[in-house]
Amino acid sequence: MSNLLDPLVGAGIELMLVGMGTVFLFLTLLVFVVKLMSALVSRFVTSETAVTPATASQNNPSAAIPAAHVAAIAAAIDQHRNR
């Protein structure tokens, strides 16, 4: 019985190591690709062209979210809480 179990355990460990190695290699490659893309985007996009909602609301608070959207969101929250 012990002789039949040893090759199966060895094959299971080998499969586990190959699978974990593949996942580790893929995730490592993914980290480097994301860092490369981040560096490329930061190089080609200047701070003048990058406008986020946070900076838009600092420059002009009324331009960030229209009043109709705020009213609709408030009404939806009120309706949800009253159920």
PDB file of N, CA and C in Angstrom:
ATOM      1  N   MET A   1       0.828  -1.183   0.000  1.00  0.00           N
ATOM      2  CA  MET A   1       0.000   0.000   0.000  1.00  0.00           C
ATOM      3  C   MET A   1       0.874   1.249   0.000  1.00  0.00           C
ATOM      4  N   SER A   2       1.957   1.234   0.741  1.00  0.00           N
ATOM      5  CA  SER A   2       2.841   2.387   0.824  1.00  0.00           C
ATOM      6  C   SER A   2       3.514   2.666  -0.513  1.00  0.00           C
ATOM      7  N   ASN A   3       3.822   1.608  -1.268  1.00  0.00           N
ATOM      8  CA  ASN A   3       4.469   1.784  -2.569  1.00  0.00           C
ATOM      9  C   ASN A   3       3.536   2.435  -3.573  1.00  0.00           C
ATOM     10  N   LEU A   4       2.222   2.210  -3.468  1.00  0.00           N
ATOM     11  CA  LEU A   4       1.278   2.809  -4.391  1.00  0.00           C
ATOM     12  C   LEU A   4       1.026   4.288  -4.068  1.00  0.00           C
ATOM     13  N   LEU A   5       1.180   4.656  -2.826  1.00  0.00           N
ATOM     14  CA  LEU A   5       0.894   6.020  -2.409  1.00  0.00           C
ATOM     15  C   LEU A   5       2.042   6.977  -2.714  1.00  0.00           C
ATOM     16  N   ASP A   6       3.268   6.496  -2.672  1.00  0.00           N
ATOM     17  CA  ASP A   6       4.424   7.362  -2.858  1.00  0.00           C
ATOM     18  C   ASP A   6       4.456   8.042  -4.225  1.00  0.00           C
ATOM     19  N   PRO A   7       4.206   7.356  -5.349  1.00  0.00           N
ATOM     20  CA  PRO A   7       4.211   8.062  -6.631  1.00  0.00           C
ATOM     21  C   PRO A   7       3.080   9.097  -6.739  1.00  0.00           C
ATOM     22  N   LEU A   8       1.936   8.812  -6.129  1.00  0.00           N
ATOM     23  CA  LEU A   8       0.843   9.770  -6.174  1.00  0.00           C
ATOM     24  C   LEU A   8       1.165  11.030  -5.373  1.00  0.00           C
ATOM     25  N   VAL A   9       1.779  10.846  -4.213  1.00  0.00           N
ATOM     26  CA  VAL A   9       2.162  11.998  -3.405  1.00  0.00           C
ATOM     27  C   VAL A   9       3.226  12.808  -4.129  1.00  0.00           C
ATOM     28  N   GLY A  10       4.177  12.141  -4.740  1.00  0.00           N
ATOM     29  CA  GLY A  10       5.221  12.831  -5.491  1.00  0.00           C
ATOM     30  C   GLY A  10       4.653  13.598  -6.672  1.00  0.00           C
ATOM     31  N   ALA A  11       3.699  12.992  -7.382  1.00  0.00           N
ATOM     32  CA  ALA A  11       3.065  13.669  -8.506  1.00  0.00           C
ATOM     33  C   ALA A  11       2.240  14.859  -8.025  1.00  0.00           C
ATOM     34  N   GLY A  12       1.578  14.722  -6.892  1.00  0.00           N
ATOM     35  CA  GLY A  12       0.798  15.830  -6.339  1.00  0.00           C
ATOM     36  C   GLY A  12       1.676  16.999  -5.934  1.00  0.00           C
ATOM     37  N   ILE A  13       2.800  16.698  -5.312  1.00  0.00           N
ATOM     38  CA  ILE A  13       3.728  17.765  -4.923  1.00  0.00           C
ATOM     39  C   ILE A  13       4.325  18.435  -6.155  1.00  0.00           C
ATOM     40  N   GLU A  14       4.663  17.642  -7.153  1.00  0.00           N
ATOM     41  CA  GLU A  14       5.206  18.212  -8.389  1.00  0.00           C
ATOM     42  C   GLU A  14       4.179  19.117  -9.065  1.00  0.00           C
ATOM     43  N   LEU A  15       2.938  18.671  -9.125  1.00  0.00           N
ATOM     44  CA  LEU A  15       1.875  19.481  -9.724  1.00  0.00           C
ATOM     45  C   LEU A  15       1.650  20.760  -8.924  1.00  0.00           C
ATOM     46  N   MET A  16       1.707  20.662  -7.602  1.00  0.00           N
ATOM     47  CA  MET A  16       1.542  21.842  -6.763  1.00  0.00           C
ATOM     48  C   MET A  16       2.653  22.853  -7.008  1.00  0.00           C
ATOM     49  N   LEU A  17       3.903  22.390  -7.080  1.00  0.00           N
ATOM     50  CA  LEU A  17       5.026  23.300  -7.296  1.00  0.00           C
ATOM     51  C   LEU A  17       4.980  23.948  -8.675  1.00  0.00           C
ATOM     52  N   VAL A  18       4.609  23.182  -9.699  1.00  0.00           N
ATOM     53  CA  VAL A  18       4.503  23.754 -11.042  1.00  0.00           C
ATOM     54  C   VAL A  18       3.383  24.793 -11.082  1.00  0.00           C
ATOM     55  N   GLY A  19       2.250  24.500 -10.461  1.00  0.00           N
ATOM     56  CA  GLY A  19       1.137  25.443 -10.446  1.00  0.00           C
ATOM     57  C   GLY A  19       1.462  26.704  -9.681  1.00  0.00           C
ATOM     58  N   MET A  20       2.057  26.564  -8.505  1.00  0.00           N
ATOM     59  CA  MET A  20       2.411  27.737  -7.711  1.00  0.00           C
ATOM     60  C   MET A  20       3.497  28.553  -8.397  1.00  0.00           C
ATOM     61  N   GLY A  21       4.430  27.883  -9.048  1.00  0.00           N
ATOM     62  CA  GLY A  21       5.476  28.591  -9.784  1.00  0.00           C
ATOM     63  C   GLY A  21       4.908  29.372 -10.950  1.00  0.00           C
ATOM     64  N   THR A  22       3.941  28.788 -11.646  1.00  0.00           N
ATOM     65  CA  THR A  22       3.301  29.471 -12.770  1.00  0.00           C
ATOM     66  C   THR A  22       2.550  30.707 -12.293  1.00  0.00           C
ATOM     67  N   VAL A  23       1.808  30.574 -11.216  1.00  0.00           N
ATOM     68  CA  VAL A  23       1.057  31.717 -10.677  1.00  0.00           C
ATOM     69  C   VAL A  23       2.014  32.803 -10.202  1.00  0.00           C
ATOM     70  N   PHE A  24       3.082  32.422  -9.516  1.00  0.00           N
ATOM     71  CA  PHE A  24       4.062  33.402  -9.045  1.00  0.00           C
ATOM     72  C   PHE A  24       4.707  34.126 -10.217  1.00  0.00           C
ATOM     73  N   LEU A  25       5.071  33.401 -11.259  1.00  0.00           N
ATOM     74  CA  LEU A  25       5.683  34.015 -12.442  1.00  0.00           C
ATOM     75  C   LEU A  25       4.710  34.975 -13.119  1.00  0.00           C
ATOM     76  N   PHE A  26       3.460  34.574 -13.261  1.00  0.00           N
ATOM     77  CA  PHE A  26       2.463  35.434 -13.893  1.00  0.00           C
ATOM     78  C   PHE A  26       2.231  36.699 -13.078  1.00  0.00           C
ATOM     79  N   LEU A  27       2.094  36.579 -11.769  1.00  0.00           N
ATOM     80  CA  LEU A  27       1.847  37.754 -10.933  1.00  0.00           C
ATOM     81  C   LEU A  27       3.052  38.692 -10.908  1.00  0.00           C
ATOM     82  N   THR A  28       4.260  38.132 -10.915  1.00  0.00           N
ATOM     83  CA  THR A  28       5.458  38.963 -10.979  1.00  0.00           C
ATOM     84  C   THR A  28       5.504  39.726 -12.294  1.00  0.00           C
ATOM     85  N   LEU A  29       5.208  39.053 -13.394  1.00  0.00           N
ATOM     86  CA  LEU A  29       5.166  39.706 -14.699  1.00  0.00           C
ATOM     87  C   LEU A  29       4.088  40.780 -14.728  1.00  0.00           C
ATOM     88  N   LEU A  30       2.954  40.518 -14.123  1.00  0.00           N
ATOM     89  CA  LEU A  30       1.864  41.482 -14.075  1.00  0.00           C
ATOM     90  C   LEU A  30       2.267  42.745 -13.312  1.00  0.00           C
ATOM     91  N   VAL A  31       2.983  42.597 -12.203  1.00  0.00           N
ATOM     92  CA  VAL A  31       3.437  43.750 -11.426  1.00  0.00           C
ATOM     93  C   VAL A  31       4.374  44.617 -12.264  1.00  0.00           C
ATOM     94  N   PHE A  32       5.306  43.994 -12.970  1.00  0.00           N
ATOM     95  CA  PHE A  32       6.236  44.771 -13.782  1.00  0.00           C
ATOM     96  C   PHE A  32       5.536  45.457 -14.951  1.00  0.00           C
ATOM     97  N   VAL A  33       4.579  44.803 -15.558  1.00  0.00           N
ATOM     98  CA  VAL A  33       3.854  45.413 -16.672  1.00  0.00           C
ATOM     99  C   VAL A  33       3.023  46.602 -16.181  1.00  0.00           C
ATOM    100  N   VAL A  34       2.396  46.478 -15.020  1.00  0.00           N
ATOM    101  CA  VAL A  34       1.602  47.586 -14.482  1.00  0.00           C
ATOM    102  C   VAL A  34       2.508  48.762 -14.121  1.00  0.00           C
ATOM    103  N   LYS A  35       3.673  48.485 -13.550  1.00  0.00           N
ATOM    104  CA  LYS A  35       4.611  49.568 -13.238  1.00  0.00           C
ATOM    105  C   LYS A  35       5.092  50.252 -14.514  1.00  0.00           C
ATOM    106  N   LEU A  36       5.359  49.474 -15.554  1.00  0.00           N
ATOM    107  CA  LEU A  36       5.783  50.042 -16.830  1.00  0.00           C
ATOM    108  C   LEU A  36       4.689  50.906 -17.425  1.00  0.00           C
ATOM    109  N   MET A  37       3.463  50.434 -17.405  1.00  0.00           N
ATOM    110  CA  MET A  37       2.345  51.229 -17.931  1.00  0.00           C
ATOM    111  C   MET A  37       2.161  52.508 -17.126  1.00  0.00           C
ATOM    112  N   SER A  38       2.322  52.431 -15.820  1.00  0.00           N
ATOM    113  CA  SER A  38       2.195  53.619 -14.980  1.00  0.00           C
ATOM    114  C   SER A  38       3.278  54.641 -15.321  1.00  0.00           C
ATOM    115  N   ALA A  39       4.488  54.168 -15.543  1.00  0.00           N
ATOM    116  CA  ALA A  39       5.575  55.077 -15.899  1.00  0.00           C
ATOM    117  C   ALA A  39       5.316  55.714 -17.261  1.00  0.00           C
ATOM    118  N   LEU A  40       4.813  54.944 -18.211  1.00  0.00           N
ATOM    119  CA  LEU A  40       4.527  55.486 -19.537  1.00  0.00           C
ATOM    120  C   LEU A  40       3.392  56.504 -19.491  1.00  0.00           C
ATOM    121  N   VAL A  41       2.361  56.223 -18.728  1.00  0.00           N
ATOM    122  CA  VAL A  41       1.241  57.155 -18.629  1.00  0.00           C
ATOM    123  C   VAL A  41       1.682  58.439 -17.942  1.00  0.00           C
ATOM    124  N   SER A  42       2.461  58.319 -16.886  1.00  0.00           N
ATOM    125  CA  SER A  42       2.909  59.530 -16.193  1.00  0.00           C
ATOM    126  C   SER A  42       3.870  60.347 -17.049  1.00  0.00           C
ATOM    127  N   ARG A  43       4.559  59.711 -17.966  1.00  0.00           N
ATOM    128  CA  ARG A  43       5.467  60.444 -18.844  1.00  0.00           C
ATOM    129  C   ARG A  43       4.697  61.220 -19.903  1.00  0.00           C
ATOM    130  N   PHE A  44       3.642  60.627 -20.467  1.00  0.00           N
ATOM    131  CA  PHE A  44       2.937  61.240 -21.588  1.00  0.00           C
ATOM    132  C   PHE A  44       1.757  62.108 -21.168  1.00  0.00           C
ATOM    133  N   VAL A  45       1.264  61.967 -19.961  1.00  0.00           N
ATOM    134  CA  VAL A  45       0.141  62.773 -19.491  1.00  0.00           C
ATOM    135  C   VAL A  45       0.687  63.792 -18.509  1.00  0.00           C
ATOM    136  N   THR A  46       0.532  65.045 -18.842  1.00  0.00           N
ATOM    137  CA  THR A  46       1.015  66.095 -17.947  1.00  0.00           C
ATOM    138  C   THR A  46      -0.056  66.430 -16.926  1.00  0.00           C
ATOM    139  N   SER A  47       0.316  67.177 -15.918  1.00  0.00           N
ATOM    140  CA  SER A  47      -0.639  67.536 -14.873  1.00  0.00           C
ATOM    141  C   SER A  47      -1.690  68.514 -15.394  1.00  0.00           C
ATOM    142  N   GLU A  48      -1.385  69.227 -16.477  1.00  0.00           N
ATOM    143  CA  GLU A  48      -2.352  70.158 -17.045  1.00  0.00           C
ATOM    144  C   GLU A  48      -3.496  69.427 -17.738  1.00  0.00           C
ATOM    145  N   THR A  49      -3.193  68.293 -18.348  1.00  0.00           N
ATOM    146  CA  THR A  49      -4.226  67.564 -19.071  1.00  0.00           C
ATOM    147  C   THR A  49      -4.986  66.601 -18.179  1.00  0.00           C
ATOM    148  N   ALA A  50      -4.421  66.250 -17.052  1.00  0.00           N
ATOM    149  CA  ALA A  50      -5.087  65.306 -16.145  1.00  0.00           C
ATOM    150  C   ALA A  50      -5.999  66.081 -15.204  1.00  0.00           C
ATOM    151  N   VAL A  51      -7.295  65.984 -15.429  1.00  0.00           N
ATOM    152  CA  VAL A  51      -8.269  66.647 -14.567  1.00  0.00           C
ATOM    153  C   VAL A  51      -9.096  65.571 -13.905  1.00  0.00           C
ATOM    154  N   THR A  52      -8.988  65.499 -12.610  1.00  0.00           N
ATOM    155  CA  THR A  52      -9.773  64.531 -11.849  1.00  0.00           C
ATOM    156  C   THR A  52     -10.964  65.243 -11.244  1.00  0.00           C
ATOM    157  N   PRO A  53     -11.963  64.504 -10.827  1.00  0.00           N
ATOM    158  CA  PRO A  53     -13.110  65.152 -10.171  1.00  0.00           C
ATOM    159  C   PRO A  53     -12.711  65.945  -8.932  1.00  0.00           C
ATOM    160  N   ALA A  54     -11.680  65.503  -8.223  1.00  0.00           N
ATOM    161  CA  ALA A  54     -11.247  66.223  -7.027  1.00  0.00           C
ATOM    162  C   ALA A  54     -10.686  67.595  -7.393  1.00  0.00           C
ATOM    163  N   THR A  55      -9.875  67.647  -8.446  1.00  0.00           N
ATOM    164  CA  THR A  55      -9.315  68.943  -8.844  1.00  0.00           C
ATOM    165  C   THR A  55     -10.373  69.815  -9.487  1.00  0.00           C
ATOM    166  N   ALA A  56     -11.336  69.220 -10.159  1.00  0.00           N
ATOM    167  CA  ALA A  56     -12.412  70.017 -10.751  1.00  0.00           C
ATOM    168  C   ALA A  56     -13.267  70.655  -9.663  1.00  0.00           C
ATOM    169  N   SER A  57     -13.503  69.928  -8.576  1.00  0.00           N
ATOM    170  CA  SER A  57     -14.324  70.490  -7.512  1.00  0.00           C
ATOM    171  C   SER A  57     -13.556  71.549  -6.727  1.00  0.00           C
ATOM    172  N   GLN A  58     -12.239  71.474  -6.690  1.00  0.00           N
ATOM    173  CA  GLN A  58     -11.458  72.497  -6.005  1.00  0.00           C
ATOM    174  C   GLN A  58     -11.455  73.793  -6.799  1.00  0.00           C
ATOM    175  N   ASN A  59     -11.371  73.676  -8.130  1.00  0.00           N
ATOM    176  CA  ASN A  59     -11.333  74.871  -8.959  1.00  0.00           C
ATOM    177  C   ASN A  59     -12.703  75.526  -9.061  1.00  0.00           C
ATOM    178  N   ASN A  60     -13.740  74.728  -9.257  1.00  0.00           N
ATOM    179  CA  ASN A  60     -15.092  75.254  -9.422  1.00  0.00           C
ATOM    180  C   ASN A  60     -16.064  74.255  -8.800  1.00  0.00           C
ATOM    181  N   PRO A  61     -16.487  74.480  -7.591  1.00  0.00           N
ATOM    182  CA  PRO A  61     -17.326  73.486  -6.908  1.00  0.00           C
ATOM    183  C   PRO A  61     -18.632  73.186  -7.630  1.00  0.00           C
ATOM    184  N   SER A  62     -19.200  74.146  -8.333  1.00  0.00           N
ATOM    185  CA  SER A  62     -20.474  73.901  -9.004  1.00  0.00           C
ATOM    186  C   SER A  62     -20.304  73.073 -10.266  1.00  0.00           C
ATOM    187  N   ALA A  63     -19.086  72.940 -10.777  1.00  0.00           N
ATOM    188  CA  ALA A  63     -18.862  72.177 -11.998  1.00  0.00           C
ATOM    189  C   ALA A  63     -18.679  70.691 -11.726  1.00  0.00           C
ATOM    190  N   ALA A  64     -18.481  70.316 -10.475  1.00  0.00           N
ATOM    191  CA  ALA A  64     -18.190  68.927 -10.157  1.00  0.00           C
ATOM    192  C   ALA A  64     -19.415  68.032 -10.366  1.00  0.00           C
ATOM    193  N   ILE A  65     -20.532  68.351  -9.723  1.00  0.00           N
ATOM    194  CA  ILE A  65     -21.743  67.535  -9.817  1.00  0.00           C
ATOM    195  C   ILE A  65     -22.926  68.478 -10.033  1.00  0.00           C
ATOM    196  N   PRO A  66     -23.695  68.239 -11.087  1.00  0.00           N
ATOM    197  CA  PRO A  66     -24.865  69.094 -11.317  1.00  0.00           C
ATOM    198  C   PRO A  66     -25.886  68.967 -10.188  1.00  0.00           C
ATOM    199  N   ALA A  67     -26.614  70.032  -9.944  1.00  0.00           N
ATOM    200  CA  ALA A  67     -27.590  70.054  -8.849  1.00  0.00           C
ATOM    201  C   ALA A  67     -28.697  69.031  -9.069  1.00  0.00           C
ATOM    202  N   ALA A  68     -29.075  68.792 -10.321  1.00  0.00           N
ATOM    203  CA  ALA A  68     -30.116  67.804 -10.605  1.00  0.00           C
ATOM    204  C   ALA A  68     -29.660  66.400 -10.203  1.00  0.00           C
ATOM    205  N   HIS A  69     -28.375  66.100 -10.390  1.00  0.00           N
ATOM    206  CA  HIS A  69     -27.857  64.788  -9.994  1.00  0.00           C
ATOM    207  C   HIS A  69     -27.863  64.649  -8.476  1.00  0.00           C
ATOM    208  N   VAL A  70     -27.478  65.704  -7.793  1.00  0.00           N
ATOM    209  CA  VAL A  70     -27.476  65.670  -6.329  1.00  0.00           C
ATOM    210  C   VAL A  70     -28.891  65.450  -5.804  1.00  0.00           C
ATOM    211  N   ALA A  71     -29.869  66.125  -6.408  1.00  0.00           N
ATOM    212  CA  ALA A  71     -31.259  65.967  -5.970  1.00  0.00           C
ATOM    213  C   ALA A  71     -31.753  64.552  -6.244  1.00  0.00           C
ATOM    214  N   ALA A  72     -31.385  63.992  -7.397  1.00  0.00           N
ATOM    215  CA  ALA A  72     -31.816  62.631  -7.731  1.00  0.00           C
ATOM    216  C   ALA A  72     -31.188  61.610  -6.786  1.00  0.00           C
ATOM    217  N   ILE A  73     -29.928  61.811  -6.454  1.00  0.00           N
ATOM    218  CA  ILE A  73     -29.248  60.889  -5.538  1.00  0.00           C
ATOM    219  C   ILE A  73     -29.859  60.985  -4.145  1.00  0.00           C
ATOM    220  N   ALA A  74     -30.125  62.197  -3.698  1.00  0.00           N
ATOM    221  CA  ALA A  74     -30.735  62.373  -2.374  1.00  0.00           C
ATOM    222  C   ALA A  74     -32.118  61.743  -2.320  1.00  0.00           C
ATOM    223  N   ALA A  75     -32.901  61.897  -3.388  1.00  0.00           N
ATOM    224  CA  ALA A  75     -34.235  61.287  -3.426  1.00  0.00           C
ATOM    225  C   ALA A  75     -34.145  59.764  -3.420  1.00  0.00           C
ATOM    226  N   ALA A  76     -33.178  59.208  -4.151  1.00  0.00           N
ATOM    227  CA  ALA A  76     -33.021  57.752  -4.183  1.00  0.00           C
ATOM    228  C   ALA A  76     -32.608  57.212  -2.820  1.00  0.00           C
ATOM    229  N   ILE A  77     -31.717  57.912  -2.137  1.00  0.00           N
ATOM    230  CA  ILE A  77     -31.295  57.479  -0.800  1.00  0.00           C
ATOM    231  C   ILE A  77     -32.462  57.567   0.175  1.00  0.00           C
ATOM    232  N   ASP A  78     -33.232  58.641   0.088  1.00  0.00           N
ATOM    233  CA  ASP A  78     -34.392  58.810   0.971  1.00  0.00           C
ATOM    234  C   ASP A  78     -35.420  57.697   0.725  1.00  0.00           C
ATOM    235  N   GLN A  79     -35.658  57.394  -0.549  1.00  0.00           N
ATOM    236  CA  GLN A  79     -36.616  56.344  -0.881  1.00  0.00           C
ATOM    237  C   GLN A  79     -36.115  54.977  -0.376  1.00  0.00           C
ATOM    238  N   HIS A  80     -34.832  54.736  -0.493  1.00  0.00           N
ATOM    239  CA  HIS A  80     -34.268  53.458  -0.040  1.00  0.00           C
ATOM    240  C   HIS A  80     -34.374  53.334   1.482  1.00  0.00           C
ATOM    241  N   ARG A  81     -34.123  54.400   2.209  1.00  0.00           N
ATOM    242  CA  ARG A  81     -34.166  54.349   3.670  1.00  0.00           C
ATOM    243  C   ARG A  81     -35.591  54.219   4.197  1.00  0.00           C
ATOM    244  N   ASN A  82     -36.586  54.703   3.454  1.00  0.00           N
ATOM    245  CA  ASN A  82     -37.970  54.638   3.900  1.00  0.00           C
ATOM    246  C   ASN A  82     -38.647  53.307   3.586  1.00  0.00           C
ATOM    247  N   ARG A  83     -37.972  52.405   2.941  1.00  0.00           N
ATOM    248  CA  ARG A  83     -38.572  51.097   2.641  1.00  0.00           C
ATOM    249  C   ARG A  83     -38.594  50.223   3.852  1.00  0.00           C
TER     250      ARG A  83
END
